[in-house]
């Protein structure tokens, strides 16, 4: 196997697409805060154009409130992961 000569190693595999989504959500959230306005996680998901597909769990209908709750949790997770990545990079660790 080919060994990496990288100075820093990742602690886990990271998909570039997921990382891009994470920092897009984070940037939208930070831009809104800088302007002094408050945006909901649902609005952030719309602005970031997150395409969310619910796995079929045997239920025929998902009401709008349930979908908003799930999307809100996803956005919150992206923001948390972005803040953790920034904090770790400041300490010399990468992901």
N, C-alpha and C. Protein backbone atom coordinates (compact mmCIF):
# COMPACT_ATOMS: atom_id res chain seq x y z
N UNK A 1 0.82 -1.19 0.00
CA UNK A 1 0.00 0.00 0.00
C UNK A 1 0.87 1.26 0.00
N UNK A 2 0.35 2.28 -0.63
CA UNK A 2 1.06 3.55 -0.71
C UNK A 2 0.88 4.30 0.61
N UNK A 3 1.98 4.69 1.20
CA UNK A 3 1.92 5.42 2.46
C UNK A 3 1.93 6.91 2.20
N UNK A 4 1.17 7.63 2.98
CA UNK A 4 1.07 9.07 2.81
C UNK A 4 2.28 9.76 3.44
N UNK A 5 2.70 10.82 2.79
CA UNK A 5 3.78 11.63 3.33
C UNK A 5 3.23 12.93 3.92
N UNK A 6 1.94 12.95 4.18
CA UNK A 6 1.30 14.16 4.71
C UNK A 6 1.80 14.46 6.11
N UNK A 7 1.94 15.74 6.38
CA UNK A 7 2.39 16.17 7.70
C UNK A 7 1.33 15.86 8.77
N UNK A 8 0.07 16.08 8.41
CA UNK A 8 -1.03 15.81 9.33
C UNK A 8 -1.93 14.75 8.71
N UNK A 9 -2.43 13.88 9.53
CA UNK A 9 -3.32 12.82 9.06
C UNK A 9 -4.73 13.07 9.58
N UNK A 10 -5.70 12.65 8.80
CA UNK A 10 -7.09 12.75 9.21
C UNK A 10 -7.40 11.61 10.17
N UNK A 11 -8.20 11.91 11.19
CA UNK A 11 -8.54 10.86 12.15
C UNK A 11 -9.63 9.93 11.60
N UNK A 12 -10.37 10.40 10.59
CA UNK A 12 -11.38 9.57 9.95
C UNK A 12 -11.56 10.03 8.51
N UNK A 13 -12.12 9.18 7.68
CA UNK A 13 -12.33 9.53 6.28
C UNK A 13 -13.42 10.59 6.17
N UNK A 14 -13.19 11.57 5.32
CA UNK A 14 -14.14 12.66 5.15
C UNK A 14 -14.47 12.78 3.67
N UNK A 15 -15.75 12.83 3.35
CA UNK A 15 -16.15 13.02 1.97
C UNK A 15 -16.18 14.51 1.67
N UNK A 16 -15.59 14.89 0.55
CA UNK A 16 -15.49 16.31 0.18
C UNK A 16 -16.87 16.96 0.05
N UNK A 17 -17.83 16.22 -0.49
CA UNK A 17 -19.18 16.75 -0.68
C UNK A 17 -19.83 17.09 0.67
N UNK A 18 -19.64 16.23 1.65
CA UNK A 18 -20.20 16.46 2.98
C UNK A 18 -19.52 17.65 3.64
N UNK A 19 -18.22 17.74 3.48
CA UNK A 19 -17.48 18.86 4.05
C UNK A 19 -17.92 20.17 3.43
N UNK A 20 -18.17 20.17 2.15
CA UNK A 20 -18.64 21.38 1.46
C UNK A 20 -20.01 21.79 2.00
N UNK A 21 -20.91 20.82 2.15
CA UNK A 21 -22.24 21.10 2.70
C UNK A 21 -22.13 21.68 4.10
N UNK A 22 -21.27 21.08 4.91
CA UNK A 22 -21.10 21.50 6.30
C UNK A 22 -20.67 22.96 6.38
N UNK A 23 -19.67 23.33 5.58
CA UNK A 23 -19.18 24.70 5.65
C UNK A 23 -20.09 25.69 4.93
N UNK A 24 -20.87 25.24 3.97
CA UNK A 24 -21.87 26.12 3.36
C UNK A 24 -22.92 26.50 4.38
N UNK A 25 -23.42 25.51 5.11
CA UNK A 25 -24.41 25.77 6.17
C UNK A 25 -23.81 26.70 7.22
N UNK A 26 -22.58 26.45 7.61
CA UNK A 26 -21.92 27.28 8.63
C UNK A 26 -21.76 28.71 8.12
N UNK A 27 -21.35 28.89 6.88
CA UNK A 27 -21.18 30.23 6.32
C UNK A 27 -22.49 31.00 6.27
N UNK A 28 -23.57 30.33 5.89
CA UNK A 28 -24.88 30.98 5.86
C UNK A 28 -25.28 31.43 7.26
N UNK A 29 -25.09 30.57 8.22
CA UNK A 29 -25.44 30.89 9.60
C UNK A 29 -24.63 32.09 10.11
N UNK A 30 -23.31 32.08 9.84
CA UNK A 30 -22.43 33.17 10.29
C UNK A 30 -22.74 34.49 9.60
N UNK A 31 -23.06 34.43 8.30
CA UNK A 31 -23.40 35.65 7.55
C UNK A 31 -24.67 36.28 8.12
N UNK A 32 -25.64 35.46 8.45
CA UNK A 32 -26.88 35.97 9.03
C UNK A 32 -26.61 36.61 10.39
N UNK A 33 -25.78 35.98 11.19
CA UNK A 33 -25.45 36.55 12.50
C UNK A 33 -24.70 37.87 12.36
N UNK A 34 -23.82 37.96 11.36
CA UNK A 34 -23.05 39.19 11.13
C UNK A 34 -23.97 40.34 10.73
N UNK A 35 -25.05 40.02 10.03
CA UNK A 35 -26.02 41.04 9.63
C UNK A 35 -26.99 41.37 10.75
N UNK A 36 -26.91 40.62 11.83
CA UNK A 36 -27.78 40.87 12.97
C UNK A 36 -29.16 40.28 12.84
N UNK A 37 -29.34 39.38 11.92
CA UNK A 37 -30.66 38.75 11.79
C UNK A 37 -30.58 37.29 12.22
N UNK A 38 -31.72 36.80 12.62
CA UNK A 38 -31.80 35.43 13.11
C UNK A 38 -32.55 34.59 12.07
N UNK A 39 -31.93 33.49 11.66
CA UNK A 39 -32.59 32.60 10.69
C UNK A 39 -32.76 31.23 11.32
N UNK A 40 -33.86 30.60 10.97
CA UNK A 40 -34.12 29.26 11.50
C UNK A 40 -33.30 28.24 10.73
N UNK A 41 -33.16 27.07 11.31
CA UNK A 41 -32.44 26.00 10.63
C UNK A 41 -33.13 25.61 9.33
N UNK A 42 -34.45 25.69 9.30
CA UNK A 42 -35.21 25.37 8.10
C UNK A 42 -34.85 26.35 6.97
N UNK A 43 -34.75 27.66 7.32
CA UNK A 43 -34.38 28.66 6.32
C UNK A 43 -32.95 28.46 5.84
N UNK A 44 -32.05 28.08 6.75
CA UNK A 44 -30.67 27.81 6.37
C UNK A 44 -30.61 26.64 5.38
N UNK A 45 -31.41 25.62 5.63
CA UNK A 45 -31.45 24.46 4.72
C UNK A 45 -31.93 24.87 3.34
N UNK A 46 -32.93 25.77 3.28
CA UNK A 46 -33.42 26.25 2.00
C UNK A 46 -32.35 27.06 1.28
N UNK A 47 -31.67 27.95 2.00
CA UNK A 47 -30.64 28.79 1.40
C UNK A 47 -29.44 27.95 0.93
N UNK A 48 -29.12 26.90 1.66
CA UNK A 48 -28.00 26.03 1.29
C UNK A 48 -28.41 25.01 0.23
N UNK A 49 -29.70 24.98 -0.08
CA UNK A 49 -30.25 24.04 -1.06
C UNK A 49 -29.92 22.60 -0.69
N UNK A 50 -30.13 22.27 0.58
CA UNK A 50 -29.90 20.91 1.04
C UNK A 50 -31.00 20.01 0.48
N UNK A 51 -30.59 18.94 -0.14
CA UNK A 51 -31.54 17.98 -0.69
C UNK A 51 -31.65 16.85 0.30
N UNK A 52 -32.75 16.79 0.99
CA UNK A 52 -32.93 15.79 2.03
C UNK A 52 -33.96 14.76 1.58
N UNK A 53 -33.59 13.51 1.65
CA UNK A 53 -34.50 12.42 1.31
C UNK A 53 -34.72 11.55 2.55
N UNK A 54 -35.95 11.42 2.96
CA UNK A 54 -36.29 10.62 4.12
C UNK A 54 -36.28 9.15 3.74
N UNK A 55 -35.62 8.35 4.54
CA UNK A 55 -35.66 6.90 4.31
C UNK A 55 -37.04 6.37 4.61
N UNK A 56 -37.47 5.41 3.86
CA UNK A 56 -38.80 4.83 4.05
C UNK A 56 -38.78 3.99 5.33
N UNK A 57 -39.59 4.38 6.29
CA UNK A 57 -39.66 3.65 7.56
C UNK A 57 -41.02 2.98 7.73
N UNK A 58 -41.68 2.78 6.60
CA UNK A 58 -42.96 2.10 6.66
C UNK A 58 -44.14 3.04 6.85
N UNK A 59 -43.86 4.32 7.02
CA UNK A 59 -44.94 5.29 7.17
C UNK A 59 -45.27 5.87 5.80
N UNK A 60 -46.54 6.06 5.55
CA UNK A 60 -46.94 6.58 4.24
C UNK A 60 -46.78 8.09 4.14
N UNK A 61 -47.07 8.78 5.24
CA UNK A 61 -47.10 10.23 5.18
C UNK A 61 -46.22 10.82 6.28
N UNK A 62 -45.39 11.77 5.86
CA UNK A 62 -44.62 12.53 6.84
C UNK A 62 -45.21 13.93 6.85
N UNK A 63 -45.68 14.37 8.01
CA UNK A 63 -46.25 15.71 8.05
C UNK A 63 -45.12 16.74 7.98
N UNK A 64 -45.48 17.95 7.66
CA UNK A 64 -44.49 19.01 7.44
C UNK A 64 -43.68 19.30 8.70
N UNK A 65 -44.32 19.21 9.86
CA UNK A 65 -43.61 19.47 11.11
C UNK A 65 -42.51 18.44 11.35
N UNK A 66 -42.79 17.19 11.03
CA UNK A 66 -41.79 16.13 11.21
C UNK A 66 -40.61 16.33 10.28
N UNK A 67 -40.88 16.71 9.04
CA UNK A 67 -39.81 16.96 8.07
C UNK A 67 -38.96 18.14 8.53
N UNK A 68 -39.61 19.20 9.00
CA UNK A 68 -38.87 20.38 9.47
C UNK A 68 -37.99 20.03 10.67
N UNK A 69 -38.50 19.18 11.55
CA UNK A 69 -37.72 18.75 12.72
C UNK A 69 -36.47 18.01 12.30
N UNK A 70 -36.62 17.10 11.36
CA UNK A 70 -35.49 16.30 10.90
C UNK A 70 -34.47 17.17 10.19
N UNK A 71 -34.94 18.05 9.31
CA UNK A 71 -34.03 18.95 8.57
C UNK A 71 -33.34 19.89 9.54
N UNK A 72 -34.04 20.36 10.55
CA UNK A 72 -33.45 21.24 11.55
C UNK A 72 -32.33 20.52 12.31
N UNK A 73 -32.54 19.27 12.62
CA UNK A 73 -31.50 18.49 13.32
C UNK A 73 -30.28 18.29 12.42
N UNK A 74 -30.51 18.09 11.13
CA UNK A 74 -29.40 17.92 10.19
C UNK A 74 -28.57 19.20 10.10
N UNK A 75 -29.25 20.33 9.99
CA UNK A 75 -28.55 21.62 9.92
C UNK A 75 -27.77 21.87 11.20
N UNK A 76 -28.37 21.59 12.33
CA UNK A 76 -27.67 21.78 13.62
C UNK A 76 -26.43 20.90 13.69
N UNK A 77 -26.53 19.68 13.18
CA UNK A 77 -25.38 18.78 13.17
C UNK A 77 -24.27 19.31 12.27
N UNK A 78 -24.64 19.87 11.12
CA UNK A 78 -23.64 20.45 10.21
C UNK A 78 -22.92 21.62 10.89
N UNK A 79 -23.67 22.48 11.56
CA UNK A 79 -23.07 23.63 12.23
C UNK A 79 -22.13 23.16 13.34
N UNK A 80 -22.56 22.18 14.11
CA UNK A 80 -21.72 21.65 15.18
C UNK A 80 -20.43 21.04 14.63
N UNK A 81 -20.55 20.27 13.56
CA UNK A 81 -19.37 19.65 12.95
C UNK A 81 -18.41 20.69 12.40
N UNK A 82 -18.94 21.77 11.82
CA UNK A 82 -18.08 22.84 11.30
C UNK A 82 -17.32 23.52 12.43
N UNK A 83 -18.02 23.80 13.52
CA UNK A 83 -17.35 24.45 14.66
C UNK A 83 -16.28 23.53 15.26
N UNK A 84 -16.56 22.24 15.33
CA UNK A 84 -15.56 21.30 15.83
C UNK A 84 -14.34 21.23 14.91
N UNK A 85 -14.58 21.22 13.60
CA UNK A 85 -13.48 21.15 12.64
C UNK A 85 -12.61 22.40 12.74
N UNK A 86 -13.23 23.56 12.88
CA UNK A 86 -12.48 24.81 13.01
C UNK A 86 -11.68 24.82 14.30
N UNK A 87 -12.29 24.36 15.37
CA UNK A 87 -11.60 24.31 16.66
C UNK A 87 -10.41 23.35 16.60
N UNK A 88 -10.62 22.19 16.01
CA UNK A 88 -9.52 21.20 15.91
C UNK A 88 -8.40 21.71 15.01
N UNK A 89 -8.75 22.40 13.94
CA UNK A 89 -7.71 22.94 13.05
C UNK A 89 -6.89 23.98 13.77
N UNK A 90 -7.51 24.73 14.65
CA UNK A 90 -6.78 25.72 15.44
C UNK A 90 -5.79 25.08 16.40
N UNK A 91 -6.06 23.85 16.77
CA UNK A 91 -5.18 23.12 17.70
C UNK A 91 -4.22 22.20 16.97
N UNK A 92 -4.27 22.19 15.63
CA UNK A 92 -3.35 21.38 14.85
C UNK A 92 -3.89 20.02 14.47
N UNK A 93 -5.10 19.71 14.82
CA UNK A 93 -5.72 18.44 14.43
C UNK A 93 -6.65 18.68 13.27
N UNK A 94 -6.75 17.73 12.39
CA UNK A 94 -7.61 17.91 11.25
C UNK A 94 -8.62 16.77 11.17
N UNK A 95 -9.86 17.18 11.36
CA UNK A 95 -11.02 16.28 11.38
C UNK A 95 -10.74 15.16 12.27
